[in-house]
Every structure is written in C-alpha cells, then in structure tokens.
Amino acid sequence: MALNLSPQQIEEMGQMWGDVLLPTIPLEKRLAGANPIEVINLFKQTNQLGKLSFSEIEELEFHLKNLKQQKKG
C-alpha cells in the first residue's frame, strides 16, 4: 500500500509523532551518540534555546558535558 503524501503532510506527521514520542524518551537516550557541537548548532539555527527553561538548559549542558567526556575518554 503506497501513501501519497506531500512534503507538508510529512512534516506535520513528523511533528505530531515527535510531540507524542519524544517526551517519553529520556534526554540522555535522545542525546546518546550525538555530537555535542552539532546539537548546539541545531539549537542556534532554530533559536530553540530561548524556549527552554533555565533548568532544561542546565540539564542539557550536563548531558552534553558527559557526552563530550565520553568521546574524549
């Protein structure tokens, strides 16, 4: 069965599934294996850091530091 979806429909489906699934996955699992620099650059491009609370930014920094140490070690 083939689905004929427009790019807009695919984007909307991705947003919907992301809104449903991502909150159920712990942050450390979502960031596992991610390059810390690429993660920060994605936030800069879309200005998402401004939408995070201070505690969320601190948690992100903590996990990024751990990932960076793992990559070095």
PDB file of N, CA and C in Angstrom:
ATOM      1  N   MET A   1       0.844  -1.176   0.000  1.00  0.00           N
ATOM      2  CA  MET A   1       0.000   0.000   0.000  1.00  0.00           C
ATOM      3  C   MET A   1       0.890   1.240   0.000  1.00  0.00           C
ATOM      4  N   ALA A   2       0.755   2.039  -0.982  1.00  0.00           N
ATOM      5  CA  ALA A   2       1.554   3.255  -1.113  1.00  0.00           C
ATOM      6  C   ALA A   2       0.772   4.447  -0.565  1.00  0.00           C
ATOM      7  N   LEU A   3       1.497   5.313   0.103  1.00  0.00           N
ATOM      8  CA  LEU A   3       0.904   6.560   0.589  1.00  0.00           C
ATOM      9  C   LEU A   3       1.422   7.708  -0.250  1.00  0.00           C
ATOM     10  N   ASN A   4       0.538   8.534  -0.686  1.00  0.00           N
ATOM     11  CA  ASN A   4       0.929   9.720  -1.433  1.00  0.00           C
ATOM     12  C   ASN A   4       0.773  10.923  -0.518  1.00  0.00           C
ATOM     13  N   LEU A   5       1.903  11.340   0.057  1.00  0.00           N
ATOM     14  CA  LEU A   5       1.884  12.459   0.990  1.00  0.00           C
ATOM     15  C   LEU A   5       2.720  13.605   0.449  1.00  0.00           C
ATOM     16  N   SER A   6       2.251  14.798   0.687  1.00  0.00           N
ATOM     17  CA  SER A   6       3.004  15.986   0.291  1.00  0.00           C
ATOM     18  C   SER A   6       4.102  16.225   1.317  1.00  0.00           C
ATOM     19  N   PRO A   7       5.130  16.988   0.947  1.00  0.00           N
ATOM     20  CA  PRO A   7       6.158  17.327   1.936  1.00  0.00           C
ATOM     21  C   PRO A   7       5.570  17.984   3.184  1.00  0.00           C
ATOM     22  N   GLN A   8       4.554  18.806   3.019  1.00  0.00           N
ATOM     23  CA  GLN A   8       3.899  19.462   4.151  1.00  0.00           C
ATOM     24  C   GLN A   8       3.234  18.426   5.065  1.00  0.00           C
ATOM     25  N   GLN A   9       2.568  17.435   4.477  1.00  0.00           N
ATOM     26  CA  GLN A   9       1.910  16.402   5.274  1.00  0.00           C
ATOM     27  C   GLN A   9       2.937  15.562   6.033  1.00  0.00           C
ATOM     28  N   ILE A  10       4.057  15.274   5.391  1.00  0.00           N
ATOM     29  CA  ILE A  10       5.121  14.508   6.051  1.00  0.00           C
ATOM     30  C   ILE A  10       5.682  15.301   7.225  1.00  0.00           C
ATOM     31  N   GLU A  11       5.896  16.590   7.019  1.00  0.00           N
ATOM     32  CA  GLU A  11       6.399  17.441   8.093  1.00  0.00           C
ATOM     33  C   GLU A  11       5.411  17.480   9.262  1.00  0.00           C
ATOM     34  N   GLU A  12       4.130  17.604   8.971  1.00  0.00           N
ATOM     35  CA  GLU A  12       3.108  17.637  10.017  1.00  0.00           C
ATOM     36  C   GLU A  12       3.053  16.310  10.775  1.00  0.00           C
ATOM     37  N   MET A  13       3.176  15.189  10.053  1.00  0.00           N
ATOM     38  CA  MET A  13       3.182  13.879  10.707  1.00  0.00           C
ATOM     39  C   MET A  13       4.408  13.736  11.611  1.00  0.00           C
ATOM     40  N   GLY A  14       5.555  14.177  11.121  1.00  0.00           N
ATOM     41  CA  GLY A  14       6.773  14.127  11.923  1.00  0.00           C
ATOM     42  C   GLY A  14       6.637  14.946  13.185  1.00  0.00           C
ATOM     43  N   GLN A  15       6.046  16.116  13.077  1.00  0.00           N
ATOM     44  CA  GLN A  15       5.830  16.975  14.248  1.00  0.00           C
ATOM     45  C   GLN A  15       4.892  16.298  15.235  1.00  0.00           C
ATOM     46  N   MET A  16       3.822  15.720  14.716  1.00  0.00           N
ATOM     47  CA  MET A  16       2.848  15.054  15.570  1.00  0.00           C
ATOM     48  C   MET A  16       3.492  13.876  16.314  1.00  0.00           C
ATOM     49  N   TRP A  17       4.207  13.020  15.603  1.00  0.00           N
ATOM     50  CA  TRP A  17       4.845  11.866  16.233  1.00  0.00           C
ATOM     51  C   TRP A  17       5.940  12.307  17.192  1.00  0.00           C
ATOM     52  N   GLY A  18       6.660  13.347  16.832  1.00  0.00           N
ATOM     53  CA  GLY A  18       7.690  13.874  17.724  1.00  0.00           C
ATOM     54  C   GLY A  18       7.097  14.388  19.024  1.00  0.00           C
ATOM     55  N   ASP A  19       5.968  15.076  18.919  1.00  0.00           N
ATOM     56  CA  ASP A  19       5.302  15.606  20.113  1.00  0.00           C
ATOM     57  C   ASP A  19       4.805  14.479  21.015  1.00  0.00           C
ATOM     58  N   VAL A  20       4.424  13.345  20.416  1.00  0.00           N
ATOM     59  CA  VAL A  20       3.885  12.226  21.180  1.00  0.00           C
ATOM     60  C   VAL A  20       5.003  11.358  21.751  1.00  0.00           C
ATOM     61  N   LEU A  21       6.011  11.047  20.926  1.00  0.00           N
ATOM     62  CA  LEU A  21       7.032  10.085  21.326  1.00  0.00           C
ATOM     63  C   LEU A  21       8.214  10.679  22.085  1.00  0.00           C
ATOM     64  N   LEU A  22       8.704  11.821  21.666  1.00  0.00           N
ATOM     65  CA  LEU A  22       9.921  12.369  22.277  1.00  0.00           C
ATOM     66  C   LEU A  22       9.816  12.599  23.782  1.00  0.00           C
ATOM     67  N   PRO A  23       8.695  13.090  24.288  1.00  0.00           N
ATOM     68  CA  PRO A  23       8.637  13.283  25.744  1.00  0.00           C
ATOM     69  C   PRO A  23       8.750  11.983  26.541  1.00  0.00           C
ATOM     70  N   THR A  24       8.493  10.840  25.905  1.00  0.00           N
ATOM     71  CA  THR A  24       8.560   9.568  26.617  1.00  0.00           C
ATOM     72  C   THR A  24       9.978   9.007  26.659  1.00  0.00           C
ATOM     73  N   ILE A  25      10.896   9.590  25.882  1.00  0.00           N
ATOM     74  CA  ILE A  25      12.271   9.103  25.823  1.00  0.00           C
ATOM     75  C   ILE A  25      13.144  10.013  26.688  1.00  0.00           C
ATOM     76  N   PRO A  26      13.893   9.436  27.632  1.00  0.00           N
ATOM     77  CA  PRO A  26      14.767  10.258  28.476  1.00  0.00           C
ATOM     78  C   PRO A  26      15.783  11.044  27.636  1.00  0.00           C
ATOM     79  N   LEU A  27      16.110  12.229  28.103  1.00  0.00           N
ATOM     80  CA  LEU A  27      17.024  13.104  27.381  1.00  0.00           C
ATOM     81  C   LEU A  27      18.351  12.422  27.082  1.00  0.00           C
ATOM     82  N   GLU A  28      18.894  11.670  28.052  1.00  0.00           N
ATOM     83  CA  GLU A  28      20.188  11.037  27.826  1.00  0.00           C
ATOM     84  C   GLU A  28      20.136  10.013  26.692  1.00  0.00           C
ATOM     85  N   LYS A  29      18.982   9.347  26.513  1.00  0.00           N
ATOM     86  CA  LYS A  29      18.859   8.405  25.393  1.00  0.00           C
ATOM     87  C   LYS A  29      18.728   9.150  24.070  1.00  0.00           C
ATOM     88  N   ARG A  30      18.011  10.282  24.095  1.00  0.00           N
ATOM     89  CA  ARG A  30      17.864  11.067  22.866  1.00  0.00           C
ATOM     90  C   ARG A  30      19.197  11.639  22.408  1.00  0.00           C
ATOM     91  N   LEU A  31      20.076  11.956  23.380  1.00  0.00           N
ATOM     92  CA  LEU A  31      21.368  12.557  23.034  1.00  0.00           C
ATOM     93  C   LEU A  31      22.487  11.523  22.887  1.00  0.00           C
ATOM     94  N   ALA A  32      22.209  10.267  23.206  1.00  0.00           N
ATOM     95  CA  ALA A  32      23.247   9.230  23.138  1.00  0.00           C
ATOM     96  C   ALA A  32      23.835   9.160  21.727  1.00  0.00           C
ATOM     97  N   GLY A  33      25.149   9.244  21.665  1.00  0.00           N
ATOM     98  CA  GLY A  33      25.839   9.157  20.387  1.00  0.00           C
ATOM     99  C   GLY A  33      25.840  10.444  19.582  1.00  0.00           C
ATOM    100  N   ALA A  34      25.203  11.474  20.090  1.00  0.00           N
ATOM    101  CA  ALA A  34      25.151  12.744  19.361  1.00  0.00           C
ATOM    102  C   ALA A  34      26.442  13.526  19.560  1.00  0.00           C
ATOM    103  N   ASN A  35      26.804  14.243  18.535  1.00  0.00           N
ATOM    104  CA  ASN A  35      27.959  15.133  18.617  1.00  0.00           C
ATOM    105  C   ASN A  35      27.499  16.418  19.313  1.00  0.00           C
ATOM    106  N   PRO A  36      28.087  16.739  20.477  1.00  0.00           N
ATOM    107  CA  PRO A  36      27.629  17.923  21.219  1.00  0.00           C
ATOM    108  C   PRO A  36      27.632  19.211  20.397  1.00  0.00           C
ATOM    109  N   ILE A  37      28.609  19.388  19.558  1.00  0.00           N
ATOM    110  CA  ILE A  37      28.687  20.610  18.747  1.00  0.00           C
ATOM    111  C   ILE A  37      27.526  20.668  17.762  1.00  0.00           C
ATOM    112  N   GLU A  38      27.192  19.530  17.150  1.00  0.00           N
ATOM    113  CA  GLU A  38      26.069  19.502  16.217  1.00  0.00           C
ATOM    114  C   GLU A  38      24.751  19.786  16.930  1.00  0.00           C
ATOM    115  N   VAL A  39      24.600  19.273  18.149  1.00  0.00           N
ATOM    116  CA  VAL A  39      23.375  19.514  18.917  1.00  0.00           C
ATOM    117  C   VAL A  39      23.212  20.998  19.201  1.00  0.00           C
ATOM    118  N   ILE A  40      24.266  21.632  19.680  1.00  0.00           N
ATOM    119  CA  ILE A  40      24.207  23.068  19.973  1.00  0.00           C
ATOM    120  C   ILE A  40      23.942  23.861  18.698  1.00  0.00           C
ATOM    121  N   ASN A  41      24.583  23.496  17.601  1.00  0.00           N
ATOM    122  CA  ASN A  41      24.368  24.210  16.339  1.00  0.00           C
ATOM    123  C   ASN A  41      22.922  24.111  15.876  1.00  0.00           C
ATOM    124  N   LEU A  42      22.274  22.970  16.103  1.00  0.00           N
ATOM    125  CA  LEU A  42      20.860  22.849  15.733  1.00  0.00           C
ATOM    126  C   LEU A  42      20.004  23.811  16.544  1.00  0.00           C
ATOM    127  N   PHE A  43      20.301  23.953  17.829  1.00  0.00           N
ATOM    128  CA  PHE A  43      19.551  24.891  18.653  1.00  0.00           C
ATOM    129  C   PHE A  43      19.793  26.316  18.187  1.00  0.00           C
ATOM    130  N   LYS A  44      21.020  26.647  17.838  1.00  0.00           N
ATOM    131  CA  LYS A  44      21.329  28.007  17.396  1.00  0.00           C
ATOM    132  C   LYS A  44      20.569  28.340  16.120  1.00  0.00           C
ATOM    133  N   GLN A  45      20.512  27.382  15.181  1.00  0.00           N
ATOM    134  CA  GLN A  45      19.871  27.636  13.893  1.00  0.00           C
ATOM    135  C   GLN A  45      18.383  27.933  14.036  1.00  0.00           C
ATOM    136  N   THR A  46      17.737  27.280  14.969  1.00  0.00           N
ATOM    137  CA  THR A  46      16.295  27.444  15.097  1.00  0.00           C
ATOM    138  C   THR A  46      15.902  28.285  16.307  1.00  0.00           C
ATOM    139  N   ASN A  47      16.883  28.789  17.038  1.00  0.00           N
ATOM    140  CA  ASN A  47      16.650  29.625  18.217  1.00  0.00           C
ATOM    141  C   ASN A  47      15.785  28.919  19.259  1.00  0.00           C
ATOM    142  N   GLN A  48      15.977  27.618  19.399  1.00  0.00           N
ATOM    143  CA  GLN A  48      15.197  26.842  20.348  1.00  0.00           C
ATOM    144  C   GLN A  48      15.674  27.030  21.787  1.00  0.00           C
ATOM    145  N   LEU A  49      16.919  27.438  21.978  1.00  0.00           N
ATOM    146  CA  LEU A  49      17.416  27.605  23.343  1.00  0.00           C
ATOM    147  C   LEU A  49      16.600  28.638  24.108  1.00  0.00           C
ATOM    148  N   GLY A  50      16.105  29.635  23.417  1.00  0.00           N
ATOM    149  CA  GLY A  50      15.312  30.665  24.070  1.00  0.00           C
ATOM    150  C   GLY A  50      13.986  30.149  24.607  1.00  0.00           C
ATOM    151  N   LYS A  51      13.544  28.999  24.118  1.00  0.00           N
ATOM    152  CA  LYS A  51      12.273  28.424  24.560  1.00  0.00           C
ATOM    153  C   LYS A  51      12.441  27.495  25.758  1.00  0.00           C
ATOM    154  N   LEU A  52      13.695  27.143  26.091  1.00  0.00           N
ATOM    155  CA  LEU A  52      13.942  26.227  27.199  1.00  0.00           C
ATOM    156  C   LEU A  52      13.971  26.974  28.523  1.00  0.00           C
ATOM    157  N   SER A  53      13.549  26.277  29.571  1.00  0.00           N
ATOM    158  CA  SER A  53      13.655  26.859  30.910  1.00  0.00           C
ATOM    159  C   SER A  53      15.112  26.767  31.356  1.00  0.00           C
ATOM    160  N   PHE A  54      15.440  27.508  32.400  1.00  0.00           N
ATOM    161  CA  PHE A  54      16.804  27.504  32.912  1.00  0.00           C
ATOM    162  C   PHE A  54      17.218  26.095  33.338  1.00  0.00           C
ATOM    163  N   SER A  55      16.319  25.375  33.998  1.00  0.00           N
ATOM    164  CA  SER A  55      16.659  24.013  34.442  1.00  0.00           C
ATOM    165  C   SER A  55      16.857  23.075  33.251  1.00  0.00           C
ATOM    166  N   GLU A  56      16.104  23.262  32.178  1.00  0.00           N
ATOM    167  CA  GLU A  56      16.282  22.429  30.984  1.00  0.00           C
ATOM    168  C   GLU A  56      17.630  22.711  30.327  1.00  0.00           C
ATOM    169  N   ILE A  57      18.040  23.973  30.316  1.00  0.00           N
ATOM    170  CA  ILE A  57      19.344  24.329  29.751  1.00  0.00           C
ATOM    171  C   ILE A  57      20.459  23.725  30.600  1.00  0.00           C
ATOM    172  N   GLU A  58      20.313  23.789  31.918  1.00  0.00           N
ATOM    173  CA  GLU A  58      21.316  23.181  32.798  1.00  0.00           C
ATOM    174  C   GLU A  58      21.404  21.676  32.565  1.00  0.00           C
ATOM    175  N   GLU A  59      20.254  21.013  32.404  1.00  0.00           N
ATOM    176  CA  GLU A  59      20.237  19.565  32.158  1.00  0.00           C
ATOM    177  C   GLU A  59      20.901  19.250  30.818  1.00  0.00           C
ATOM    178  N   LEU A  60      20.614  20.044  29.813  1.00  0.00           N
ATOM    179  CA  LEU A  60      21.232  19.854  28.507  1.00  0.00           C
ATOM    180  C   LEU A  60      22.744  20.025  28.597  1.00  0.00           C
ATOM    181  N   GLU A  61      23.197  21.055  29.287  1.00  0.00           N
ATOM    182  CA  GLU A  61      24.636  21.274  29.469  1.00  0.00           C
ATOM    183  C   GLU A  61      25.287  20.087  30.161  1.00  0.00           C
ATOM    184  N   PHE A  62      24.634  19.574  31.207  1.00  0.00           N
ATOM    185  CA  PHE A  62      25.164  18.439  31.954  1.00  0.00           C
ATOM    186  C   PHE A  62      25.340  17.229  31.034  1.00  0.00           C
ATOM    187  N   HIS A  63      24.313  16.925  30.248  1.00  0.00           N
ATOM    188  CA  HIS A  63      24.386  15.760  29.363  1.00  0.00           C
ATOM    189  C   HIS A  63      25.398  15.968  28.235  1.00  0.00           C
ATOM    190  N   LEU A  64      25.488  17.172  27.731  1.00  0.00           N
ATOM    191  CA  LEU A  64      26.465  17.446  26.673  1.00  0.00           C
ATOM    192  C   LEU A  64      27.889  17.320  27.205  1.00  0.00           C
ATOM    193  N   LYS A  65      28.130  17.782  28.437  1.00  0.00           N
ATOM    194  CA  LYS A  65      29.458  17.635  29.041  1.00  0.00           C
ATOM    195  C   LYS A  65      29.802  16.163  29.214  1.00  0.00           C
ATOM    196  N   ASN A  66      28.826  15.363  29.657  1.00  0.00           N
ATOM    197  CA  ASN A  66      29.066  13.927  29.805  1.00  0.00           C
ATOM    198  C   ASN A  66      29.373  13.262  28.469  1.00  0.00           C
ATOM    199  N   LEU A  67      28.624  13.647  27.429  1.00  0.00           N
ATOM    200  CA  LEU A  67      28.882  13.085  26.111  1.00  0.00           C
ATOM    201  C   LEU A  67      30.269  13.464  25.617  1.00  0.00           C
ATOM    202  N   LYS A  68      30.650  14.707  25.862  1.00  0.00           N
ATOM    203  CA  LYS A  68      31.956  15.181  25.431  1.00  0.00           C
ATOM    204  C   LYS A  68      33.064  14.401  26.148  1.00  0.00           C
ATOM    205  N   GLN A  69      32.906  14.159  27.453  1.00  0.00           N
ATOM    206  CA  GLN A  69      33.891  13.394  28.203  1.00  0.00           C
ATOM    207  C   GLN A  69      33.963  11.960  27.704  1.00  0.00           C
ATOM    208  N   GLN A  70      32.832  11.374  27.376  1.00  0.00           N
ATOM    209  CA  GLN A  70      32.808  10.005  26.846  1.00  0.00           C
ATOM    210  C   GLN A  70      33.549   9.928  25.519  1.00  0.00           C
ATOM    211  N   LYS A  71      33.367  10.934  24.674  1.00  0.00           N
ATOM    212  CA  LYS A  71      34.034  10.959  23.365  1.00  0.00           C
ATOM    213  C   LYS A  71      35.551  11.083  23.536  1.00  0.00           C
ATOM    214  N   LYS A  72      35.985  11.879  24.535  1.00  0.00           N
ATOM    215  CA  LYS A  72      37.412  12.061  24.783  1.00  0.00           C
ATOM    216  C   LYS A  72      38.026  10.809  25.381  1.00  0.00           C
ATOM    217  N   GLY A  73      37.293  10.181  26.307  1.00  0.00           N
ATOM    218  CA  GLY A  73      37.808   9.060  27.090  1.00  0.00           C
ATOM    219  C   GLY A  73      37.886   7.816  26.299  1.00  0.00           C
TER     220      GLY A  73
END
